[in-house]
PDB file of N, CA and C in Angstrom:
ATOM      1  N   UNK A   1      91.862  88.876  94.722  1.00  0.00           N
ATOM      2  CA  UNK A   1      93.214  89.163  94.422  1.00  0.00           C
ATOM      3  C   UNK A   1      93.770  90.216  95.597  1.00  0.00           C
ATOM      4  N   UNK A   2      93.876  89.663  96.734  1.00  0.00           N
ATOM      5  CA  UNK A   2      94.322  90.676  97.886  1.00  0.00           C
ATOM      6  C   UNK A   2      95.903  90.157  98.099  1.00  0.00           C
ATOM      7  N   UNK A   3      96.668  91.290  98.400  1.00  0.00           N
ATOM      8  CA  UNK A   3      97.934  91.130  98.478  1.00  0.00           C
ATOM      9  C   UNK A   3      98.822  90.821  97.352  1.00  0.00           C
ATOM     10  N   UNK A   4     100.082  91.069  97.370  1.00  0.00           N
ATOM     11  CA  UNK A   4     100.858  91.112  96.155  1.00  0.00           C
ATOM     12  C   UNK A   4     101.609  89.970  95.955  1.00  0.00           C
ATOM     13  N   UNK A   5     101.156  88.826  96.093  1.00  0.00           N
ATOM     14  CA  UNK A   5     101.740  87.521  95.844  1.00  0.00           C
ATOM     15  C   UNK A   5     101.806  87.237  94.385  1.00  0.00           C
ATOM     16  N   UNK A   6     101.008  87.872  93.598  1.00  0.00           N
ATOM     17  CA  UNK A   6     100.738  87.514  92.198  1.00  0.00           C
ATOM     18  C   UNK A   6     102.020  88.243  91.254  1.00  0.00           C
ATOM     19  N   UNK A   7     102.665  89.117  92.088  1.00  0.00           N
ATOM     20  CA  UNK A   7     103.966  89.796  91.407  1.00  0.00           C
ATOM     21  C   UNK A   7     105.110  88.755  91.369  1.00  0.00           C
ATOM     22  N   UNK A   8     105.091  88.069  92.518  1.00  0.00           N
ATOM     23  CA  UNK A   8     106.316  87.201  92.821  1.00  0.00           C
ATOM     24  C   UNK A   8     106.192  85.783  91.919  1.00  0.00           C
ATOM     25  N   UNK A   9     107.305  85.257  91.601  1.00  0.00           N
ATOM     26  CA  UNK A   9     107.218  83.812  91.110  1.00  0.00           C
ATOM     27  C   UNK A   9     106.886  82.900  92.215  1.00  0.00           C
ATOM     28  N   UNK A  10     106.105  81.867  91.928  1.00  0.00           N
ATOM     29  CA  UNK A  10     105.927  80.576  92.859  1.00  0.00           C
ATOM     30  C   UNK A  10     107.046  79.911  93.060  1.00  0.00           C
ATOM     31  N   UNK A  11     107.685  79.735  94.250  1.00  0.00           N
ATOM     32  CA  UNK A  11     108.924  79.093  94.364  1.00  0.00           C
ATOM     33  C   UNK A  11     108.751  77.536  94.395  1.00  0.00           C
ATOM     34  N   UNK A  12     109.850  76.875  93.828  1.00  0.00           N
ATOM     35  CA  UNK A  12     109.728  75.478  93.807  1.00  0.00           C
ATOM     36  C   UNK A  12     111.117  75.059  94.162  1.00  0.00           C
ATOM     37  N   UNK A  13     111.261  73.670  94.276  1.00  0.00           N
ATOM     38  CA  UNK A  13     112.485  73.146  94.553  1.00  0.00           C
ATOM     39  C   UNK A  13     113.408  73.361  93.276  1.00  0.00           C
ATOM     40  N   UNK A  14     112.910  73.201  92.181  1.00  0.00           N
ATOM     41  CA  UNK A  14     113.726  73.353  90.963  1.00  0.00           C
ATOM     42  C   UNK A  14     114.192  74.662  90.858  1.00  0.00           C
ATOM     43  N   UNK A  15     113.321  75.685  91.046  1.00  0.00           N
ATOM     44  CA  UNK A  15     113.770  76.903  90.867  1.00  0.00           C
ATOM     45  C   UNK A  15     114.724  77.472  91.931  1.00  0.00           C
ATOM     46  N   UNK A  16     114.671  76.979  93.175  1.00  0.00           N
ATOM     47  CA  UNK A  16     115.535  77.207  94.132  1.00  0.00           C
ATOM     48  C   UNK A  16     117.076  76.672  93.872  1.00  0.00           C
ATOM     49  N   UNK A  17     117.082  75.491  93.132  1.00  0.00           N
ATOM     50  CA  UNK A  17     118.267  74.866  92.893  1.00  0.00           C
ATOM     51  C   UNK A  17     119.011  75.629  91.553  1.00  0.00           C
ATOM     52  N   UNK A  18     118.033  76.141  90.650  1.00  0.00           N
ATOM     53  CA  UNK A  18     118.543  76.873  89.550  1.00  0.00           C
ATOM     54  C   UNK A  18     119.279  78.278  89.978  1.00  0.00           C
ATOM     55  N   UNK A  19     118.601  78.845  90.988  1.00  0.00           N
ATOM     56  CA  UNK A  19     119.090  80.299  91.287  1.00  0.00           C
ATOM     57  C   UNK A  19     120.558  80.228  91.993  1.00  0.00           C
ATOM     58  N   UNK A  20     120.888  78.911  92.389  1.00  0.00           N
ATOM     59  CA  UNK A  20     122.314  78.715  92.992  1.00  0.00           C
ATOM     60  C   UNK A  20     123.224  79.069  91.777  1.00  0.00           C
ATOM     61  N   UNK A  21     122.953  78.573  90.616  1.00  0.00           N
ATOM     62  CA  UNK A  21     123.828  78.717  89.427  1.00  0.00           C
ATOM     63  C   UNK A  21     123.457  79.953  88.496  1.00  0.00           C
ATOM     64  N   UNK A  22     122.410  80.716  89.163  1.00  0.00           N
ATOM     65  CA  UNK A  22     122.102  82.039  88.144  1.00  0.00           C
ATOM     66  C   UNK A  22     122.844  83.190  88.647  1.00  0.00           C
ATOM     67  N   UNK A  23     124.202  83.386  88.089  1.00  0.00           N
ATOM     68  CA  UNK A  23     125.012  84.368  88.678  1.00  0.00           C
ATOM     69  C   UNK A  23     124.627  85.819  88.235  1.00  0.00           C
ATOM     70  N   UNK A  24     123.960  85.848  87.092  1.00  0.00           N
ATOM     71  CA  UNK A  24     123.688  87.027  86.411  1.00  0.00           C
ATOM     72  C   UNK A  24     122.189  87.487  86.897  1.00  0.00           C
ATOM     73  N   UNK A  25     121.545  86.720  87.806  1.00  0.00           N
ATOM     74  CA  UNK A  25     120.029  87.263  88.084  1.00  0.00           C
ATOM     75  C   UNK A  25     119.166  87.078  86.899  1.00  0.00           C
ATOM     76  N   UNK A  26     119.430  86.351  86.010  1.00  0.00           N
ATOM     77  CA  UNK A  26     118.416  86.304  84.889  1.00  0.00           C
ATOM     78  C   UNK A  26     117.157  85.517  84.953  1.00  0.00           C
ATOM     79  N   UNK A  27     117.243  84.494  85.954  1.00  0.00           N
ATOM     80  CA  UNK A  27     116.204  83.646  86.282  1.00  0.00           C
ATOM     81  C   UNK A  27     114.939  84.306  86.977  1.00  0.00           C
ATOM     82  N   UNK A  28     115.312  85.569  87.541  1.00  0.00           N
ATOM     83  CA  UNK A  28     114.134  86.176  88.376  1.00  0.00           C
ATOM     84  C   UNK A  28     113.385  87.179  87.400  1.00  0.00           C
ATOM     85  N   UNK A  29     112.246  86.858  87.117  1.00  0.00           N
ATOM     86  CA  UNK A  29     111.325  87.805  86.507  1.00  0.00           C
ATOM     87  C   UNK A  29     110.023  87.948  87.223  1.00  0.00           C
ATOM     88  N   UNK A  30     109.732  89.219  87.644  1.00  0.00           N
ATOM     89  CA  UNK A  30     108.481  89.367  88.388  1.00  0.00           C
ATOM     90  C   UNK A  30     107.444  89.924  87.621  1.00  0.00           C
ATOM     91  N   UNK A  31     106.200  89.357  87.895  1.00  0.00           N
ATOM     92  CA  UNK A  31     105.021  89.786  87.135  1.00  0.00           C
ATOM     93  C   UNK A  31     104.905  89.181  85.897  1.00  0.00           C
ATOM     94  N   UNK A  32     103.704  88.665  85.438  1.00  0.00           N
ATOM     95  CA  UNK A  32     103.417  88.051  84.137  1.00  0.00           C
ATOM     96  C   UNK A  32     102.765  88.997  83.271  1.00  0.00           C
ATOM     97  N   UNK A  33     102.653  90.191  83.676  1.00  0.00           N
ATOM     98  CA  UNK A  33     102.009  91.295  82.824  1.00  0.00           C
ATOM     99  C   UNK A  33     103.067  91.863  81.792  1.00  0.00           C
ATOM    100  N   UNK A  34     102.767  92.030  80.623  1.00  0.00           N
ATOM    101  CA  UNK A  34     103.472  92.744  79.673  1.00  0.00           C
ATOM    102  C   UNK A  34     103.409  94.328  79.789  1.00  0.00           C
ATOM    103  N   UNK A  35     102.236  94.699  80.302  1.00  0.00           N
ATOM    104  CA  UNK A  35     102.067  96.078  80.514  1.00  0.00           C
ATOM    105  C   UNK A  35     102.389  96.476  81.904  1.00  0.00           C
ATOM    106  N   UNK A  36     103.401  97.257  82.000  1.00  0.00           N
ATOM    107  CA  UNK A  36     103.888  97.636  83.471  1.00  0.00           C
ATOM    108  C   UNK A  36     102.853  98.393  84.161  1.00  0.00           C
ATOM    109  N   UNK A  37     102.013  99.240  83.515  1.00  0.00           N
ATOM    110  CA  UNK A  37     100.996 100.120  84.009  1.00  0.00           C
ATOM    111  C   UNK A  37      99.858  99.258  84.560  1.00  0.00           C
ATOM    112  N   UNK A  38      99.494  98.126  83.976  1.00  0.00           N
ATOM    113  CA  UNK A  38      98.642  97.180  84.638  1.00  0.00           C
ATOM    114  C   UNK A  38      99.194  96.455  85.858  1.00  0.00           C
ATOM    115  N   UNK A  39     100.523  96.102  85.771  1.00  0.00           N
ATOM    116  CA  UNK A  39     101.120  95.536  86.907  1.00  0.00           C
ATOM    117  C   UNK A  39     101.104  96.552  88.155  1.00  0.00           C
ATOM    118  N   UNK A  40     101.387  97.769  87.930  1.00  0.00           N
ATOM    119  CA  UNK A  40     101.306  98.797  88.880  1.00  0.00           C
ATOM    120  C   UNK A  40      99.909  98.964  89.509  1.00  0.00           C
ATOM    121  N   UNK A  41      98.949  98.914  88.613  1.00  0.00           N
ATOM    122  CA  UNK A  41      97.540  99.115  89.076  1.00  0.00           C
ATOM    123  C   UNK A  41      97.130  98.029  90.081  1.00  0.00           C
ATOM    124  N   UNK A  42      97.506  96.859  89.505  1.00  0.00           N
ATOM    125  CA  UNK A  42      97.269  95.474  90.440  1.00  0.00           C
ATOM    126  C   UNK A  42      98.073  95.626  91.744  1.00  0.00           C
ATOM    127  N   UNK A  43      99.350  96.044  91.683  1.00  0.00           N
ATOM    128  CA  UNK A  43     100.128  96.083  92.933  1.00  0.00           C
ATOM    129  C   UNK A  43      99.374  97.152  94.073  1.00  0.00           C
ATOM    130  N   UNK A  44      99.103  98.389  93.439  1.00  0.00           N
ATOM    131  CA  UNK A  44      98.476  99.361  94.256  1.00  0.00           C
ATOM    132  C   UNK A  44      97.220  98.888  94.893  1.00  0.00           C
ATOM    133  N   UNK A  45      96.341  98.209  94.185  1.00  0.00           N
ATOM    134  CA  UNK A  45      95.095  97.707  94.547  1.00  0.00           C
ATOM    135  C   UNK A  45      95.472  96.683  95.780  1.00  0.00           C
ATOM    136  N   UNK A  46      96.503  95.752  95.516  1.00  0.00           N
ATOM    137  CA  UNK A  46      96.653  94.887  96.625  1.00  0.00           C
ATOM    138  C   UNK A  46      97.015  95.446  97.854  1.00  0.00           C
ATOM    139  N   UNK A  47      97.888  96.557  97.668  1.00  0.00           N
ATOM    140  CA  UNK A  47      98.407  97.330  98.866  1.00  0.00           C
ATOM    141  C   UNK A  47      97.225  97.884  99.569  1.00  0.00           C
ATOM    142  N   UNK A  48      96.436  98.413  98.984  1.00  0.00           N
ATOM    143  CA  UNK A  48      95.035  99.047  99.519  1.00  0.00           C
ATOM    144  C   UNK A  48      94.417  98.006 100.180  1.00  0.00           C
ATOM    145  N   UNK A  49      94.291  96.841  99.590  1.00  0.00           N
ATOM    146  CA  UNK A  49      93.381  95.664 100.302  1.00  0.00           C
ATOM    147  C   UNK A  49      94.040  95.209 101.564  1.00  0.00           C
ATOM    148  N   UNK A  50      95.530  95.278 101.607  1.00  0.00           N
ATOM    149  CA  UNK A  50      96.146  94.878 102.717  1.00  0.00           C
ATOM    150  C   UNK A  50      95.966  95.896 103.948  1.00  0.00           C
ATOM    151  N   UNK A  51      95.966  97.204 103.671  1.00  0.00           N
ATOM    152  CA  UNK A  51      95.614  98.287 104.672  1.00  0.00           C
ATOM    153  C   UNK A  51      94.296  98.308 105.059  1.00  0.00           C
ATOM    154  N   UNK A  52      93.381  98.015 104.185  1.00  0.00           N
ATOM    155  CA  UNK A  52      92.090  97.902 104.544  1.00  0.00           C
ATOM    156  C   UNK A  52      91.833  96.877 105.600  1.00  0.00           C
ATOM    157  N   UNK A  53      92.209  95.500 105.202  1.00  0.00           N
ATOM    158  CA  UNK A  53      92.165  94.413 106.205  1.00  0.00           C
ATOM    159  C   UNK A  53      92.896  94.871 107.646  1.00  0.00           C
ATOM    160  N   UNK A  54      94.016  95.557 107.508  1.00  0.00           N
ATOM    161  CA  UNK A  54      94.550  95.768 108.725  1.00  0.00           C
ATOM    162  C   UNK A  54      93.760  96.915 109.686  1.00  0.00           C
ATOM    163  N   UNK A  55      93.124  97.991 108.916  1.00  0.00           N
ATOM    164  CA  UNK A  55      92.405  98.811 109.579  1.00  0.00           C
ATOM    165  C   UNK A  55      90.983  98.172 110.257  1.00  0.00           C
ATOM    166  N   UNK A  56      90.417  97.098 109.591  1.00  0.00           N
ATOM    167  CA  UNK A  56      89.273  96.383 109.773  1.00  0.00           C
ATOM    168  C   UNK A  56      89.563  95.671 111.214  1.00  0.00           C
ATOM    169  N   UNK A  57      90.711  95.027 111.257  1.00  0.00           N
ATOM    170  CA  UNK A  57      91.192  94.195 112.422  1.00  0.00           C
ATOM    171  C   UNK A  57      91.401  95.094 113.445  1.00  0.00           C
ATOM    172  N   UNK A  58      91.961  96.301 113.287  1.00  0.00           N
ATOM    173  CA  UNK A  58      92.206  97.352 114.399  1.00  0.00           C
ATOM    174  C   UNK A  58      90.873  97.739 114.994  1.00  0.00           C
ATOM    175  N   UNK A  59      90.089  98.128 114.195  1.00  0.00           N
ATOM    176  CA  UNK A  59      88.650  98.590 114.603  1.00  0.00           C
ATOM    177  C   UNK A  59      87.884  97.597 115.338  1.00  0.00           C
ATOM    178  N   UNK A  60      87.945  96.354 114.868  1.00  0.00           N
ATOM    179  CA  UNK A  60      87.342  95.186 115.593  1.00  0.00           C
ATOM    180  C   UNK A  60      87.870  95.016 116.986  1.00  0.00           C
ATOM    181  N   UNK A  61      89.244  95.036 117.131  1.00  0.00           N
ATOM    182  CA  UNK A  61      89.975  94.840 118.382  1.00  0.00           C
ATOM    183  C   UNK A  61      89.607  96.166 119.274  1.00  0.00           C
ATOM    184  N   UNK A  62      89.523  97.367 118.706  1.00  0.00           N
ATOM    185  CA  UNK A  62      89.284  98.393 119.595  1.00  0.00           C
ATOM    186  C   UNK A  62      87.783  98.466 120.089  1.00  0.00           C
ATOM    187  N   UNK A  63      86.866  97.944 119.230  1.00  0.00           N
ATOM    188  CA  UNK A  63      85.634  97.989 119.692  1.00  0.00           C
ATOM    189  C   UNK A  63      85.372  96.903 120.888  1.00  0.00           C
ATOM    190  N   UNK A  64      86.147  95.852 120.764  1.00  0.00           N
ATOM    191  CA  UNK A  64      85.974  94.829 121.888  1.00  0.00           C
ATOM    192  C   UNK A  64      86.506  95.376 123.165  1.00  0.00           C
ATOM    193  N   UNK A  65      87.343  96.404 123.312  1.00  0.00           N
ATOM    194  CA  UNK A  65      87.872  96.714 124.487  1.00  0.00           C
ATOM    195  C   UNK A  65      86.848  97.597 125.264  1.00  0.00           C
TER     196      UNK A  65
END
């Protein structure tokens, strides 16, 4: 579970078509967790994973030079 794609809904053709008619923005619901604290924990963890991956790539590129 790295990166925060679990928070967003998976797009589909049907959901894209429905968003055209969704004037009140009632169709967008982010996160399937009922507990907002758990969702925050997962989001923070995925942010740290992304930063960790970026730092590892930077160190690898730096060591090659």
